C-alpha atoms as a PDB file:
ATOM      1  CA  UNK A   1     -47.879  72.096  35.833  1.00  0.00           C
ATOM      2  CA  UNK A   2     -50.476  69.730  36.142  1.00  0.00           C
ATOM      3  CA  UNK A   3     -52.341  70.859  39.562  1.00  0.00           C
ATOM      4  CA  UNK A   4     -52.266  67.472  40.570  1.00  0.00           C
ATOM      5  CA  UNK A   5     -48.588  66.915  39.575  1.00  0.00           C
ATOM      6  CA  UNK A   6     -46.642  65.315  42.401  1.00  0.00           C
ATOM      7  CA  UNK A   7     -43.781  68.426  40.962  1.00  0.00           C
ATOM      8  CA  UNK A   8     -46.660  70.559  42.520  1.00  0.00           C
ATOM      9  CA  UNK A   9     -47.663  69.759  46.074  1.00  0.00           C
ATOM     10  CA  UNK A  10     -45.483  72.007  47.532  1.00  0.00           C
ATOM     11  CA  UNK A  11     -47.416  74.532  45.401  1.00  0.00           C
ATOM     12  CA  UNK A  12     -49.949  72.799  46.957  1.00  0.00           C
ATOM     13  CA  UNK A  13     -48.721  73.692  50.099  1.00  0.00           C
ATOM     14  CA  UNK A  14     -47.101  77.713  49.964  1.00  0.00           C
ATOM     15  CA  UNK A  15     -49.788  79.090  52.208  1.00  0.00           C
ATOM     16  CA  UNK A  16     -48.643  76.055  55.255  1.00  0.00           C
ATOM     17  CA  UNK A  17     -44.684  75.444  53.713  1.00  0.00           C
ATOM     18  CA  UNK A  18     -43.525  77.408  56.119  1.00  0.00           C
ATOM     19  CA  UNK A  19     -45.208  75.628  58.960  1.00  0.00           C
ATOM     20  CA  UNK A  20     -44.575  72.444  58.312  1.00  0.00           C
ATOM     21  CA  UNK A  21     -40.999  73.108  57.766  1.00  0.00           C
ATOM     22  CA  UNK A  22     -38.768  71.487  60.388  1.00  0.00           C
ATOM     23  CA  UNK A  23     -36.875  74.816  62.515  1.00  0.00           C
ATOM     24  CA  UNK A  24     -33.547  72.658  63.818  1.00  0.00           C
ATOM     25  CA  UNK A  25     -33.484  71.761  59.466  1.00  0.00           C
ATOM     26  CA  UNK A  26     -33.880  74.604  58.263  1.00  0.00           C
ATOM     27  CA  UNK A  27     -31.897  76.794  61.365  1.00  0.00           C
ATOM     28  CA  UNK A  28     -29.077  73.908  60.306  1.00  0.00           C
ATOM     29  CA  UNK A  29     -29.189  74.205  56.016  1.00  0.00           C
ATOM     30  CA  UNK A  30     -28.729  77.502  56.668  1.00  0.00           C
ATOM     31  CA  UNK A  31     -25.189  77.440  57.979  1.00  0.00           C
ATOM     32  CA  UNK A  32     -24.856  74.607  55.947  1.00  0.00           C
ATOM     33  CA  UNK A  33     -24.709  77.286  53.180  1.00  0.00           C
ATOM     34  CA  UNK A  34     -24.700  80.222  54.373  1.00  0.00           C
ATOM     35  CA  UNK A  35     -21.810  79.514  57.377  1.00  0.00           C
ATOM     36  CA  UNK A  36     -19.921  77.313  56.146  1.00  0.00           C
ATOM     37  CA  UNK A  37     -19.557  77.227  52.193  1.00  0.00           C
ATOM     38  CA  UNK A  38     -20.035  80.988  52.260  1.00  0.00           C
ATOM     39  CA  UNK A  39     -18.239  81.988  54.988  1.00  0.00           C
ATOM     40  CA  UNK A  40     -14.527  83.329  53.097  1.00  0.00           C
ATOM     41  CA  UNK A  41     -17.765  84.436  49.984  1.00  0.00           C
ATOM     42  CA  UNK A  42     -19.184  87.994  50.270  1.00  0.00           C
ATOM     43  CA  UNK A  43     -22.366  88.840  48.881  1.00  0.00           C
ATOM     44  CA  UNK A  44     -22.600  92.332  48.185  1.00  0.00           C
ATOM     45  CA  UNK A  45     -23.383  93.058  45.111  1.00  0.00           C
ATOM     46  CA  UNK A  46     -23.472  89.826  43.794  1.00  0.00           C
ATOM     47  CA  UNK A  47     -25.919  87.917  41.958  1.00  0.00           C
ATOM     48  CA  UNK A  48     -27.405  85.361  43.517  1.00  0.00           C
ATOM     49  CA  UNK A  49     -29.541  82.681  42.161  1.00  0.00           C
ATOM     50  CA  UNK A  50     -32.249  81.553  44.744  1.00  0.00           C
ATOM     51  CA  UNK A  51     -33.151  77.516  42.706  1.00  0.00           C
ATOM     52  CA  UNK A  52     -36.232  76.200  44.670  1.00  0.00           C
ATOM     53  CA  UNK A  53     -36.588  78.595  46.809  1.00  0.00           C
ATOM     54  CA  UNK A  54     -40.444  78.142  48.638  1.00  0.00           C
ATOM     55  CA  UNK A  55     -41.175  80.552  50.833  1.00  0.00           C
ATOM     56  CA  UNK A  56     -38.081  82.317  50.420  1.00  0.00           C
ATOM     57  CA  UNK A  57     -36.029  81.645  53.478  1.00  0.00           C
ATOM     58  CA  UNK A  58     -32.869  81.656  52.063  1.00  0.00           C
ATOM     59  CA  UNK A  59     -33.998  84.613  49.747  1.00  0.00           C
ATOM     60  CA  UNK A  60     -33.539  86.930  53.036  1.00  0.00           C
ATOM     61  CA  UNK A  61     -31.051  86.056  54.167  1.00  0.00           C
ATOM     62  CA  UNK A  62     -28.716  85.874  50.390  1.00  0.00           C
ATOM     63  CA  UNK A  63     -30.552  89.369  50.539  1.00  0.00           C
ATOM     64  CA  UNK A  64     -30.269  90.436  54.317  1.00  0.00           C
ATOM     65  CA  UNK A  65     -26.458  89.471  53.342  1.00  0.00           C
ATOM     66  CA  UNK A  66     -26.507  92.383  50.389  1.00  0.00           C
ATOM     67  CA  UNK A  67     -26.603  90.071  47.597  1.00  0.00           C
ATOM     68  CA  UNK A  68     -28.856  91.205  44.097  1.00  0.00           C
ATOM     69  CA  UNK A  69     -31.455  88.388  44.279  1.00  0.00           C
ATOM     70  CA  UNK A  70     -33.355  86.607  42.027  1.00  0.00           C
ATOM     71  CA  UNK A  71     -35.865  83.635  43.424  1.00  0.00           C
ATOM     72  CA  UNK A  72     -37.023  80.516  41.127  1.00  0.00           C
ATOM     73  CA  UNK A  73     -39.482  78.164  42.031  1.00  0.00           C
ATOM     74  CA  UNK A  74     -41.860  76.170  39.406  1.00  0.00           C
ATOM     75  CA  UNK A  75     -44.589  77.709  41.901  1.00  0.00           C
ATOM     76  CA  UNK A  76     -46.658  81.267  41.216  1.00  0.00           C
ATOM     77  CA  UNK A  77     -47.390  81.368  44.797  1.00  0.00           C
ATOM     78  CA  UNK A  78     -43.425  79.922  46.019  1.00  0.00           C
ATOM     79  CA  UNK A  79     -42.649  82.769  44.370  1.00  0.00           C
ATOM     80  CA  UNK A  80     -44.471  85.782  44.756  1.00  0.00           C
ATOM     81  CA  UNK A  81     -43.745  83.962  49.119  1.00  0.00           C
ATOM     82  CA  UNK A  82     -40.344  84.739  48.171  1.00  0.00           C
ATOM     83  CA  UNK A  83     -40.148  88.063  46.459  1.00  0.00           C
ATOM     84  CA  UNK A  84     -42.753  89.497  49.698  1.00  0.00           C
ATOM     85  CA  UNK A  85     -40.010  88.186  52.581  1.00  0.00           C
ATOM     86  CA  UNK A  86     -37.033  88.754  50.326  1.00  0.00           C
ATOM     87  CA  UNK A  87     -37.482  91.557  48.042  1.00  0.00           C
ATOM     88  CA  UNK A  88     -35.774  89.728  45.388  1.00  0.00           C
ATOM     89  CA  UNK A  89     -36.460  89.129  41.801  1.00  0.00           C
ATOM     90  CA  UNK A  90     -38.919  86.479  40.852  1.00  0.00           C
ATOM     91  CA  UNK A  91     -39.489  83.967  37.536  1.00  0.00           C
ATOM     92  CA  UNK A  92     -41.086  81.046  38.097  1.00  0.00           C
ATOM     93  CA  UNK A  93     -39.841  78.177  36.678  1.00  0.00           C
ATOM     94  CA  UNK A  94     -38.991  74.785  36.060  1.00  0.00           C
ATOM     95  CA  UNK A  95     -34.617  73.891  37.887  1.00  0.00           C
ATOM     96  CA  UNK A  96     -34.833  71.479  34.961  1.00  0.00           C
ATOM     97  CA  UNK A  97     -35.605  73.988  32.106  1.00  0.00           C
ATOM     98  CA  UNK A  98     -35.151  77.011  33.068  1.00  0.00           C
ATOM     99  CA  UNK A  99     -35.677  79.824  31.488  1.00  0.00           C
ATOM    100  CA  UNK A 100     -31.878  81.795  32.363  1.00  0.00           C
ATOM    101  CA  UNK A 101     -29.770  82.763  30.002  1.00  0.00           C
ATOM    102  CA  UNK A 102     -26.119  81.464  30.717  1.00  0.00           C
ATOM    103  CA  UNK A 103     -23.652  82.466  33.081  1.00  0.00           C
ATOM    104  CA  UNK A 104     -25.654  85.110  34.597  1.00  0.00           C
ATOM    105  CA  UNK A 105     -25.354  84.577  37.962  1.00  0.00           C
ATOM    106  CA  UNK A 106     -21.945  84.763  40.210  1.00  0.00           C
ATOM    107  CA  UNK A 107     -23.213  82.880  42.655  1.00  0.00           C
ATOM    108  CA  UNK A 108     -26.245  79.707  42.904  1.00  0.00           C
ATOM    109  CA  UNK A 109     -27.628  78.349  45.663  1.00  0.00           C
ATOM    110  CA  UNK A 110     -30.376  75.026  45.681  1.00  0.00           C
ATOM    111  CA  UNK A 111     -31.474  74.049  49.625  1.00  0.00           C
ATOM    112  CA  UNK A 112     -33.026  70.424  48.636  1.00  0.00           C
ATOM    113  CA  UNK A 113     -33.935  71.420  45.788  1.00  0.00           C
ATOM    114  CA  UNK A 114     -33.051  68.871  42.727  1.00  0.00           C
ATOM    115  CA  UNK A 115     -34.345  65.444  44.629  1.00  0.00           C
ATOM    116  CA  UNK A 116     -37.915  66.623  43.464  1.00  0.00           C
ATOM    117  CA  UNK A 117     -37.082  66.827  40.037  1.00  0.00           C
ATOM    118  CA  UNK A 118     -37.917  63.978  37.419  1.00  0.00           C
ATOM    119  CA  UNK A 119     -33.863  64.053  36.758  1.00  0.00           C
ATOM    120  CA  UNK A 120     -31.861  66.270  39.079  1.00  0.00           C
ATOM    121  CA  UNK A 121     -28.323  65.469  36.817  1.00  0.00           C
ATOM    122  CA  UNK A 122     -30.404  67.319  34.557  1.00  0.00           C
ATOM    123  CA  UNK A 123     -30.838  69.802  36.768  1.00  0.00           C
ATOM    124  CA  UNK A 124     -27.410  70.511  38.328  1.00  0.00           C
ATOM    125  CA  UNK A 125     -26.155  71.133  34.393  1.00  0.00           C
ATOM    126  CA  UNK A 126     -29.482  73.831  34.466  1.00  0.00           C
ATOM    127  CA  UNK A 127     -27.467  75.439  38.353  1.00  0.00           C
ATOM    128  CA  UNK A 128     -23.775  75.276  36.567  1.00  0.00           C
ATOM    129  CA  UNK A 129     -25.050  76.616  32.852  1.00  0.00           C
ATOM    130  CA  UNK A 130     -27.230  79.252  34.716  1.00  0.00           C
ATOM    131  CA  UNK A 131     -23.705  80.396  37.113  1.00  0.00           C
ATOM    132  CA  UNK A 132     -19.621  81.906  35.654  1.00  0.00           C
ATOM    133  CA  UNK A 133     -17.279  80.673  35.103  1.00  0.00           C
ATOM    134  CA  UNK A 134     -15.143  80.824  38.315  1.00  0.00           C
ATOM    135  CA  UNK A 135     -18.733  81.301  40.398  1.00  0.00           C
ATOM    136  CA  UNK A 136     -19.925  78.741  42.884  1.00  0.00           C
ATOM    137  CA  UNK A 137     -23.101  76.801  43.722  1.00  0.00           C
ATOM    138  CA  UNK A 138     -24.188  75.711  47.267  1.00  0.00           C
ATOM    139  CA  UNK A 139     -25.848  72.888  46.943  1.00  0.00           C
ATOM    140  CA  UNK A 140     -27.643  71.234  49.725  1.00  0.00           C
ATOM    141  CA  UNK A 141     -29.713  67.505  48.895  1.00  0.00           C
ATOM    142  CA  UNK A 142     -31.497  64.353  51.299  1.00  0.00           C
ATOM    143  CA  UNK A 143     -28.537  60.603  50.991  1.00  0.00           C
ATOM    144  CA  UNK A 144     -30.013  58.383  48.292  1.00  0.00           C
ATOM    145  CA  UNK A 145     -29.138  55.588  51.658  1.00  0.00           C
ATOM    146  CA  UNK A 146     -32.068  57.241  53.860  1.00  0.00           C
ATOM    147  CA  UNK A 147     -34.750  56.307  50.425  1.00  0.00           C
ATOM    148  CA  UNK A 148     -36.552  53.946  51.630  1.00  0.00           C
ATOM    149  CA  UNK A 149     -36.375  55.160  54.911  1.00  0.00           C
ATOM    150  CA  UNK A 150     -38.019  58.689  53.957  1.00  0.00           C
ATOM    151  CA  UNK A 151     -40.393  56.514  51.344  1.00  0.00           C
ATOM    152  CA  UNK A 152     -41.935  54.667  54.557  1.00  0.00           C
ATOM    153  CA  UNK A 153     -42.336  57.175  57.177  1.00  0.00           C
ATOM    154  CA  UNK A 154     -43.998  59.566  53.990  1.00  0.00           C
ATOM    155  CA  UNK A 155     -46.818  56.434  54.112  1.00  0.00           C
ATOM    156  CA  UNK A 156     -47.231  55.971  57.709  1.00  0.00           C
ATOM    157  CA  UNK A 157     -47.510  59.822  57.765  1.00  0.00           C
ATOM    158  CA  UNK A 158     -44.777  60.518  59.955  1.00  0.00           C
ATOM    159  CA  UNK A 159     -43.887  63.248  57.708  1.00  0.00           C
ATOM    160  CA  UNK A 160     -45.535  66.117  55.973  1.00  0.00           C
ATOM    161  CA  UNK A 161     -44.568  66.107  52.468  1.00  0.00           C
ATOM    162  CA  UNK A 162     -44.918  64.491  49.395  1.00  0.00           C
ATOM    163  CA  UNK A 163     -44.416  65.088  45.971  1.00  0.00           C
ATOM    164  CA  UNK A 164     -41.491  64.052  43.862  1.00  0.00           C
ATOM    165  CA  UNK A 165     -38.889  62.547  45.419  1.00  0.00           C
ATOM    166  CA  UNK A 166     -35.886  61.317  43.431  1.00  0.00           C
ATOM    167  CA  UNK A 167     -33.080  61.265  46.413  1.00  0.00           C
ATOM    168  CA  UNK A 168     -28.737  61.486  44.871  1.00  0.00           C
ATOM    169  CA  UNK A 169     -25.957  59.121  46.470  1.00  0.00           C
ATOM    170  CA  UNK A 170     -22.451  61.055  47.298  1.00  0.00           C
ATOM    171  CA  UNK A 171     -21.258  59.286  44.240  1.00  0.00           C
ATOM    172  CA  UNK A 172     -23.577  59.884  41.429  1.00  0.00           C
ATOM    173  CA  UNK A 173     -24.590  63.706  43.146  1.00  0.00           C
ATOM    174  CA  UNK A 174     -20.238  63.970  43.041  1.00  0.00           C
ATOM    175  CA  UNK A 175     -20.503  62.444  39.286  1.00  0.00           C
ATOM    176  CA  UNK A 176     -23.605  65.142  38.105  1.00  0.00           C
ATOM    177  CA  UNK A 177     -20.829  68.338  39.208  1.00  0.00           C
ATOM    178  CA  UNK A 178     -17.991  66.813  37.158  1.00  0.00           C
ATOM    179  CA  UNK A 179     -20.158  66.530  33.996  1.00  0.00           C
ATOM    180  CA  UNK A 180     -21.849  70.181  34.367  1.00  0.00           C
ATOM    181  CA  UNK A 181     -18.197  71.105  34.519  1.00  0.00           C
ATOM    182  CA  UNK A 182     -18.439  72.510  38.156  1.00  0.00           C
ATOM    183  CA  UNK A 183     -14.623  71.956  40.321  1.00  0.00           C
ATOM    184  CA  UNK A 184     -15.623  70.276  43.299  1.00  0.00           C
ATOM    185  CA  UNK A 185     -14.034  72.231  46.825  1.00  0.00           C
ATOM    186  CA  UNK A 186     -16.602  70.239  49.572  1.00  0.00           C
ATOM    187  CA  UNK A 187     -18.378  67.669  49.970  1.00  0.00           C
ATOM    188  CA  UNK A 188     -19.728  66.449  52.964  1.00  0.00           C
ATOM    189  CA  UNK A 189     -22.659  64.833  55.336  1.00  0.00           C
ATOM    190  CA  UNK A 190     -24.425  67.078  57.946  1.00  0.00           C
ATOM    191  CA  UNK A 191     -27.859  65.140  59.828  1.00  0.00           C
ATOM    192  CA  UNK A 192     -26.005  62.556  61.176  1.00  0.00           C
ATOM    193  CA  UNK A 193     -29.765  60.737  61.875  1.00  0.00           C
ATOM    194  CA  UNK A 194     -32.847  62.868  61.596  1.00  0.00           C
ATOM    195  CA  UNK A 195     -33.464  65.496  62.820  1.00  0.00           C
ATOM    196  CA  UNK A 196     -37.209  64.998  64.360  1.00  0.00           C
ATOM    197  CA  UNK A 197     -35.272  62.815  66.734  1.00  0.00           C
ATOM    198  CA  UNK A 198     -34.024  65.186  68.500  1.00  0.00           C
ATOM    199  CA  UNK A 199     -29.826  65.407  70.038  1.00  0.00           C
ATOM    200  CA  UNK A 200     -28.767  68.937  67.848  1.00  0.00           C
ATOM    201  CA  UNK A 201     -25.567  69.757  69.670  1.00  0.00           C
ATOM    202  CA  UNK A 202     -24.665  65.930  69.487  1.00  0.00           C
ATOM    203  CA  UNK A 203     -25.296  65.763  65.692  1.00  0.00           C
ATOM    204  CA  UNK A 204     -23.298  68.837  65.408  1.00  0.00           C
ATOM    205  CA  UNK A 205     -20.095  67.114  67.162  1.00  0.00           C
ATOM    206  CA  UNK A 206     -20.344  63.952  65.364  1.00  0.00           C
ATOM    207  CA  UNK A 207     -20.259  66.423  61.980  1.00  0.00           C
ATOM    208  CA  UNK A 208     -17.531  68.230  62.635  1.00  0.00           C
ATOM    209  CA  UNK A 209     -15.692  65.207  63.490  1.00  0.00           C
ATOM    210  CA  UNK A 210     -17.133  63.344  61.511  1.00  0.00           C
ATOM    211  CA  UNK A 211     -18.842  64.928  58.104  1.00  0.00           C
ATOM    212  CA  UNK A 212     -16.128  65.484  56.330  1.00  0.00           C
ATOM    213  CA  UNK A 213     -14.975  61.234  56.116  1.00  0.00           C
ATOM    214  CA  UNK A 214     -16.201  58.460  54.733  1.00  0.00           C
ATOM    215  CA  UNK A 215     -18.782  58.824  57.859  1.00  0.00           C
ATOM    216  CA  UNK A 216     -20.821  61.611  56.281  1.00  0.00           C
ATOM    217  CA  UNK A 217     -21.462  59.179  53.081  1.00  0.00           C
ATOM    218  CA  UNK A 218     -23.853  57.699  55.309  1.00  0.00           C
ATOM    219  CA  UNK A 219     -25.620  60.984  56.632  1.00  0.00           C
ATOM    220  CA  UNK A 220     -29.127  61.379  55.742  1.00  0.00           C
ATOM    221  CA  UNK A 221     -28.120  65.191  53.800  1.00  0.00           C
ATOM    222  CA  UNK A 222     -25.468  66.271  51.825  1.00  0.00           C
ATOM    223  CA  UNK A 223     -24.547  69.402  50.855  1.00  0.00           C
ATOM    224  CA  UNK A 224     -21.692  70.696  48.610  1.00  0.00           C
ATOM    225  CA  UNK A 225     -19.511  73.113  47.492  1.00  0.00           C
ATOM    226  CA  UNK A 226     -18.014  73.640  43.763  1.00  0.00           C
ATOM    227  CA  UNK A 227     -16.772  76.000  41.452  1.00  0.00           C
ATOM    228  CA  UNK A 228     -17.319  76.779  37.508  1.00  0.00           C
ATOM    229  CA  UNK A 229     -14.789  75.990  35.289  1.00  0.00           C
ATOM    230  CA  UNK A 230     -13.472  77.745  32.113  1.00  0.00           C
ATOM    231  CA  UNK A 231     -14.509  74.550  29.217  1.00  0.00           C
END
């Protein structure tokens, strides 16, 4: 990975990444992953992969629930930060070509990661490959319906992130999961408007009422919970 490549952007801001993340977005994604998608799943003792671990917030949350966590990211400094934060094992690897054996994990978490790969469906295949049959994948990612808005915000310097950004459409995400041998258990939209605008209590009410319906397809972010099927 070249230091000036788009893929290296988040490694380049490893020391200040956490301070740039929006607290409301991070808090909501943690709720979606652990309190909604994994609400009925015991993580204690389960091998759990945090793919695209960043500075380790999701690794730490999984470890706090008793999971045996492996933190993976393309950036060495990011993996080091996640390991220090979560007490997890660490692997430096590209999500599109994971240096991990087939069916190694009971649970795989990938929050806002696949859009930072050249081909998100390929990354989803790799994540699915690493899940045991009957195991779970929890994934959150921005909705392609908002890609143009986000790119405009980046050009206007209204957001601090650049890097590689290939947003995934709602139907495309479902097809990618099916192709990878995953049974979709839940597909929900969240952030009905950009979280930077505030009104978070109102946003939650909208999500509870509309996030699992057709209106969820128009929300800024989406989350899936999927189970690995037997070939």
